[in-house]
Amino acid sequence: MVSVAQLAERRIVVPDVEGSNPSTHPTILPRSDEGRGQSAAIPSPAIIRIGHLCYRYRQYLSMALLVASILLARPLTGDPSVNRALDTASFLLVLAGGAVRSWAMGFHVWRRVHGPGSQRSLVTAGPYAWVRNPLYFGTLLISAGVALMSGRPIIIATYLVVFWLGYYAIILWEEQKLEKEFGATYRGYFDSVPRLVPGFRRWGRREGVFSFPTMMRCMEPAKTAAFLLALALMAWLKR
């Protein structure tokens, strides 16, 4: 485990790079042929274009879906007790997703480092020891909570399509760039840690340090609170 002082001298790169552009990262970390395993899937040029497009506009699309969910909110069933249970599940999903995203963002300490020549290494600690894309896993949970609270099958179906097509393309696009940059280091991690849904085994060679100030600067707790307020508004509109 590296210390905060060590992190001040080098950049840390997280496997899912939401909030940054992976194409701008310099290739600095030395590669080793040891532990060479299965390579990440090589996406087609079309997937690369879709991934880049979805990455660029993902926040606008998410906001549009949230607004549609609020405006179209209605009870999913005719049974008030079932609807209350579903609403409770929606709040729990958003809370869990926000917690995962906040935890993951606390490892984005590389954002604090500026200037050329910094050594870069792959963050594999915290949630990244359990799943390669904890930010997107958290987004999946939040999206499920919002879609469920909307009570609209069309909204639920739209979230499923947007997430599985859009974020799948983003993840493949990012995997290609991470493997190109980190080589065998990333391939070993790729072979052992699940892509999106956390597994039962934790990655052994963990690197990265959680930073509470970094998590707060990334505004994840505030974003989670905003989603919870949106759910409360939807619940009120469905009364």
Protein backbone atom coordinates (compact mmCIF):
# COMPACT_ATOMS: atom_id res chain seq x y z
CA MET A 1 0.00 0.00 0.00
CA VAL A 2 1.43 3.35 -1.00
CA SER A 3 1.51 6.31 1.35
CA VAL A 4 -0.02 9.72 0.77
CA ALA A 5 3.47 11.14 0.42
CA GLN A 6 4.21 8.65 -2.36
CA LEU A 7 0.97 9.54 -4.08
CA ALA A 8 2.06 13.16 -4.14
CA GLU A 9 4.92 12.13 -6.44
CA ARG A 10 3.02 10.01 -8.91
CA ARG A 11 -0.33 9.78 -10.64
CA ILE A 12 -2.80 7.05 -9.90
CA VAL A 13 -5.12 5.81 -12.63
CA VAL A 14 -8.38 4.11 -11.84
CA PRO A 15 -9.75 1.31 -14.04
CA ASP A 16 -12.97 3.16 -14.79
CA VAL A 17 -12.06 6.73 -15.61
CA GLU A 18 -15.38 8.53 -15.39
CA GLY A 19 -14.75 12.24 -15.08
CA SER A 20 -11.51 12.15 -17.04
CA ASN A 21 -10.53 11.49 -20.62
CA PRO A 22 -8.50 8.27 -20.86
CA SER A 23 -7.24 9.23 -24.29
CA THR A 24 -5.24 12.10 -22.78
CA HIS A 25 -3.29 9.91 -20.36
CA PRO A 26 0.43 9.58 -21.22
CA THR A 27 1.89 6.07 -21.40
CA ILE A 28 4.52 6.11 -18.68
CA LEU A 29 4.29 2.93 -16.61
CA PRO A 30 6.85 0.28 -17.65
CA ARG A 31 5.37 -2.95 -18.92
CA SER A 32 6.35 -6.45 -17.95
CA ASP A 33 5.82 -9.74 -19.79
CA GLU A 34 5.30 -11.56 -16.51
CA GLY A 35 1.78 -12.69 -15.72
CA ARG A 36 0.61 -12.24 -19.30
CA GLY A 37 -2.93 -13.54 -19.52
CA GLN A 38 -6.01 -13.10 -21.60
CA SER A 39 -6.21 -9.74 -23.27
CA ALA A 40 -9.15 -7.44 -22.92
CA ALA A 41 -11.59 -7.74 -25.79
CA ILE A 42 -10.60 -5.55 -28.71
CA PRO A 43 -13.67 -3.46 -29.56
CA SER A 44 -14.58 -2.76 -33.16
CA PRO A 45 -14.13 0.77 -34.56
CA ALA A 46 -17.91 1.20 -34.33
CA ILE A 47 -17.90 0.29 -30.63
CA ILE A 48 -15.02 2.71 -30.06
CA ARG A 49 -17.00 5.52 -31.69
CA ILE A 50 -20.15 4.65 -29.76
CA GLY A 51 -18.18 4.41 -26.51
CA HIS A 52 -16.54 7.79 -27.06
CA LEU A 53 -19.89 9.37 -27.98
CA CYS A 54 -21.70 7.86 -24.98
CA TYR A 55 -18.87 8.89 -22.66
CA ARG A 56 -18.99 12.44 -23.93
CA TYR A 57 -22.77 12.87 -23.56
CA ARG A 58 -23.55 10.44 -20.72
CA GLN A 59 -24.33 13.17 -18.17
CA TYR A 60 -26.78 14.96 -20.49
CA LEU A 61 -28.53 11.67 -21.27
CA SER A 62 -28.74 10.80 -17.57
CA MET A 63 -30.29 14.17 -16.75
CA ALA A 64 -32.81 13.81 -19.59
CA LEU A 65 -33.85 10.39 -18.29
CA LEU A 66 -34.13 11.73 -14.74
CA VAL A 67 -36.37 14.60 -15.84
CA ALA A 68 -38.53 12.20 -17.87
CA SER A 69 -38.75 9.88 -14.86
CA ILE A 70 -39.96 12.74 -12.65
CA LEU A 71 -42.53 14.05 -15.13
CA LEU A 72 -43.95 10.61 -15.96
CA ALA A 73 -43.86 9.12 -12.45
CA ARG A 74 -46.84 6.99 -11.47
CA PRO A 75 -47.47 3.95 -9.23
CA LEU A 76 -46.22 0.75 -10.81
CA THR A 77 -49.03 -1.41 -9.44
CA GLY A 78 -52.52 -0.95 -8.05
CA ASP A 79 -51.54 -2.30 -4.64
CA PRO A 80 -50.44 0.50 -2.24
CA SER A 81 -48.43 -1.88 -0.04
CA VAL A 82 -46.50 -3.22 -3.03
CA ASN A 83 -45.86 0.31 -4.25
CA ARG A 84 -44.51 1.33 -0.85
CA ALA A 85 -42.15 -1.64 -0.88
CA LEU A 86 -40.96 -0.72 -4.39
CA ASP A 87 -40.43 2.90 -3.37
CA THR A 88 -38.40 1.78 -0.36
CA ALA A 89 -36.31 -0.45 -2.64
CA SER A 90 -35.73 2.54 -4.93
CA PHE A 91 -34.32 4.64 -2.08
CA LEU A 92 -32.10 1.76 -0.94
CA LEU A 93 -30.75 1.22 -4.46
CA VAL A 94 -29.85 4.91 -4.84
CA LEU A 95 -28.24 4.98 -1.38
CA ALA A 96 -26.19 1.88 -2.17
CA GLY A 97 -25.17 3.20 -5.58
CA GLY A 98 -24.18 6.57 -4.15
CA ALA A 99 -22.14 4.89 -1.42
CA VAL A 100 -20.25 2.77 -3.95
CA ARG A 101 -19.55 5.76 -6.18
CA SER A 102 -18.42 7.91 -3.24
CA TRP A 103 -16.09 5.15 -2.04
CA ALA A 104 -14.62 4.74 -5.52
CA MET A 105 -14.18 8.47 -6.08
CA GLY A 106 -12.15 8.67 -2.88
CA PHE A 107 -9.40 6.79 -4.70
CA HIS A 108 -9.18 9.37 -7.51
CA VAL A 109 -6.26 11.06 -5.79
CA TRP A 110 -4.41 11.39 -9.09
CA ARG A 111 -6.64 14.40 -9.80
CA ARG A 112 -4.60 16.41 -7.27
CA VAL A 113 -1.29 15.90 -9.09
CA HIS A 114 -0.19 18.32 -11.78
CA GLY A 115 2.82 18.68 -14.01
CA PRO A 116 4.60 16.35 -16.46
CA GLY A 117 6.71 13.34 -15.62
CA SER A 118 4.57 11.78 -12.89
CA GLN A 119 4.67 8.01 -12.72
CA ARG A 120 1.30 6.38 -13.20
CA SER A 121 0.01 3.16 -11.67
CA LEU A 122 -3.30 1.35 -11.63
CA VAL A 123 -5.57 1.73 -8.60
CA THR A 124 -6.67 -1.72 -7.43
CA ALA A 125 -7.60 -0.98 -3.80
CA GLY A 126 -10.95 -0.31 -2.17
CA PRO A 127 -13.89 -1.13 -4.44
CA TYR A 128 -11.47 -1.65 -7.35
CA ALA A 129 -10.26 -4.82 -5.60
CA TRP A 130 -13.74 -6.31 -6.02
CA VAL A 131 -14.89 -4.98 -9.39
CA ARG A 132 -13.07 -3.23 -12.25
CA ASN A 133 -15.75 -0.57 -12.76
CA PRO A 134 -17.23 0.36 -9.36
CA LEU A 135 -18.31 3.79 -10.59
CA TYR A 136 -20.42 2.24 -13.31
CA PHE A 137 -21.72 -0.39 -10.90
CA GLY A 138 -22.84 2.45 -8.63
CA THR A 139 -24.44 4.18 -11.61
CA LEU A 140 -26.29 0.95 -12.40
CA LEU A 141 -27.75 0.83 -8.89
CA ILE A 142 -28.78 4.50 -8.99
CA SER A 143 -30.35 4.08 -12.43
CA ALA A 144 -32.28 1.04 -11.23
CA GLY A 145 -33.59 3.02 -8.26
CA VAL A 146 -34.72 5.97 -10.39
CA ALA A 147 -36.30 3.71 -13.04
CA LEU A 148 -38.15 1.70 -10.41
CA MET A 149 -39.45 4.83 -8.70
CA SER A 150 -40.79 6.15 -12.02
CA GLY A 151 -43.26 3.29 -12.18
CA ARG A 152 -43.21 3.46 -15.98
CA PRO A 153 -42.26 0.29 -17.89
CA ILE A 154 -41.08 2.45 -20.81
CA ILE A 155 -38.70 4.35 -18.49
CA ILE A 156 -37.42 1.08 -17.00
CA ALA A 157 -36.85 -0.36 -20.49
CA THR A 158 -35.11 2.83 -21.65
CA TYR A 159 -32.72 2.73 -18.68
CA LEU A 160 -31.91 -0.90 -19.45
CA VAL A 161 -31.18 -0.17 -23.10
CA VAL A 162 -29.18 2.98 -22.41
CA PHE A 163 -27.10 1.36 -19.67
CA TRP A 164 -26.36 -1.94 -21.31
CA LEU A 165 -25.64 -0.50 -24.74
CA GLY A 166 -24.12 2.86 -23.80
CA TYR A 167 -22.07 1.90 -20.77
CA TYR A 168 -21.02 -1.42 -22.27
CA ALA A 169 -19.50 0.51 -25.19
CA ILE A 170 -17.83 2.95 -22.77
CA ILE A 171 -16.33 0.12 -20.72
CA LEU A 172 -14.94 -1.67 -23.80
CA TRP A 173 -13.47 1.61 -25.03
CA GLU A 174 -11.79 2.24 -21.68
CA GLU A 175 -10.51 -1.33 -21.38
CA GLN A 176 -8.72 -1.00 -24.69
CA LYS A 177 -6.97 2.17 -23.57
CA LEU A 178 -6.03 0.79 -20.15
CA GLU A 179 -4.56 -2.37 -21.64
CA LYS A 180 -2.59 -0.33 -24.14
CA GLU A 181 -1.17 1.81 -21.34
CA PHE A 182 -0.55 -0.79 -18.63
CA GLY A 183 0.00 -3.98 -20.61
CA ALA A 184 0.53 -7.09 -18.47
CA THR A 185 -0.29 -5.18 -15.29
CA TYR A 186 -3.81 -4.54 -16.51
CA ARG A 187 -4.18 -7.97 -18.15
CA GLY A 188 -3.57 -9.72 -14.83
CA TYR A 189 -6.13 -7.48 -13.17
CA PHE A 190 -8.54 -7.96 -16.09
CA ASP A 191 -8.32 -11.75 -15.81
CA SER A 192 -9.00 -11.83 -12.06
CA VAL A 193 -11.52 -9.07 -11.25
CA PRO A 194 -15.11 -8.94 -12.62
CA ARG A 195 -15.99 -6.19 -15.05
CA LEU A 196 -19.19 -4.79 -13.54
CA VAL A 197 -20.78 -6.98 -10.86
CA PRO A 198 -18.54 -7.49 -7.78
CA GLY A 199 -17.24 -10.99 -7.18
CA PHE A 200 -16.56 -12.87 -3.97
CA ARG A 201 -12.77 -12.73 -4.17
CA ARG A 202 -10.74 -9.60 -3.60
CA TRP A 203 -7.75 -8.70 -5.78
CA GLY A 204 -4.63 -9.38 -3.74
CA ARG A 205 -2.17 -6.80 -5.10
CA ARG A 206 -3.99 -3.67 -4.00
CA GLU A 207 -2.67 -0.19 -4.65
CA GLY A 208 -4.25 3.14 -3.87
CA VAL A 209 -5.17 5.23 -0.84
CA PHE A 210 -8.63 6.55 0.00
CA SER A 211 -8.89 10.32 0.42
CA PHE A 212 -11.98 11.78 2.08
CA PRO A 213 -11.26 15.35 0.83
CA THR A 214 -10.98 14.00 -2.72
CA MET A 215 -14.30 12.22 -2.40
CA MET A 216 -15.93 15.45 -1.22
CA ARG A 217 -14.34 17.46 -4.03
CA CYS A 218 -15.81 15.02 -6.54
CA MET A 219 -19.25 15.88 -5.11
CA GLU A 220 -20.51 12.29 -5.02
CA PRO A 221 -22.28 12.63 -1.62
CA ALA A 222 -23.98 15.80 -2.87
CA LYS A 223 -25.03 14.06 -6.11
CA THR A 224 -26.46 11.17 -4.11
CA ALA A 225 -28.44 13.63 -1.97
CA ALA A 226 -29.79 15.24 -5.16
CA PHE A 227 -30.96 11.87 -6.48
CA LEU A 228 -32.66 11.12 -3.16
CA LEU A 229 -34.49 14.46 -3.35
CA ALA A 230 -35.57 13.57 -6.89
CA LEU A 231 -36.94 10.26 -5.61
CA ALA A 232 -38.81 12.07 -2.84
CA LEU A 233 -40.35 14.39 -5.43
CA MET A 234 -41.39 11.42 -7.57
CA ALA A 235 -42.92 9.69 -4.56
CA TRP A 236 -44.91 12.86 -3.77
CA LEU A 237 -46.10 13.21 -7.37
CA LYS A 238 -47.37 9.62 -7.35
CA ARG A 239 -49.65 10.24 -4.36
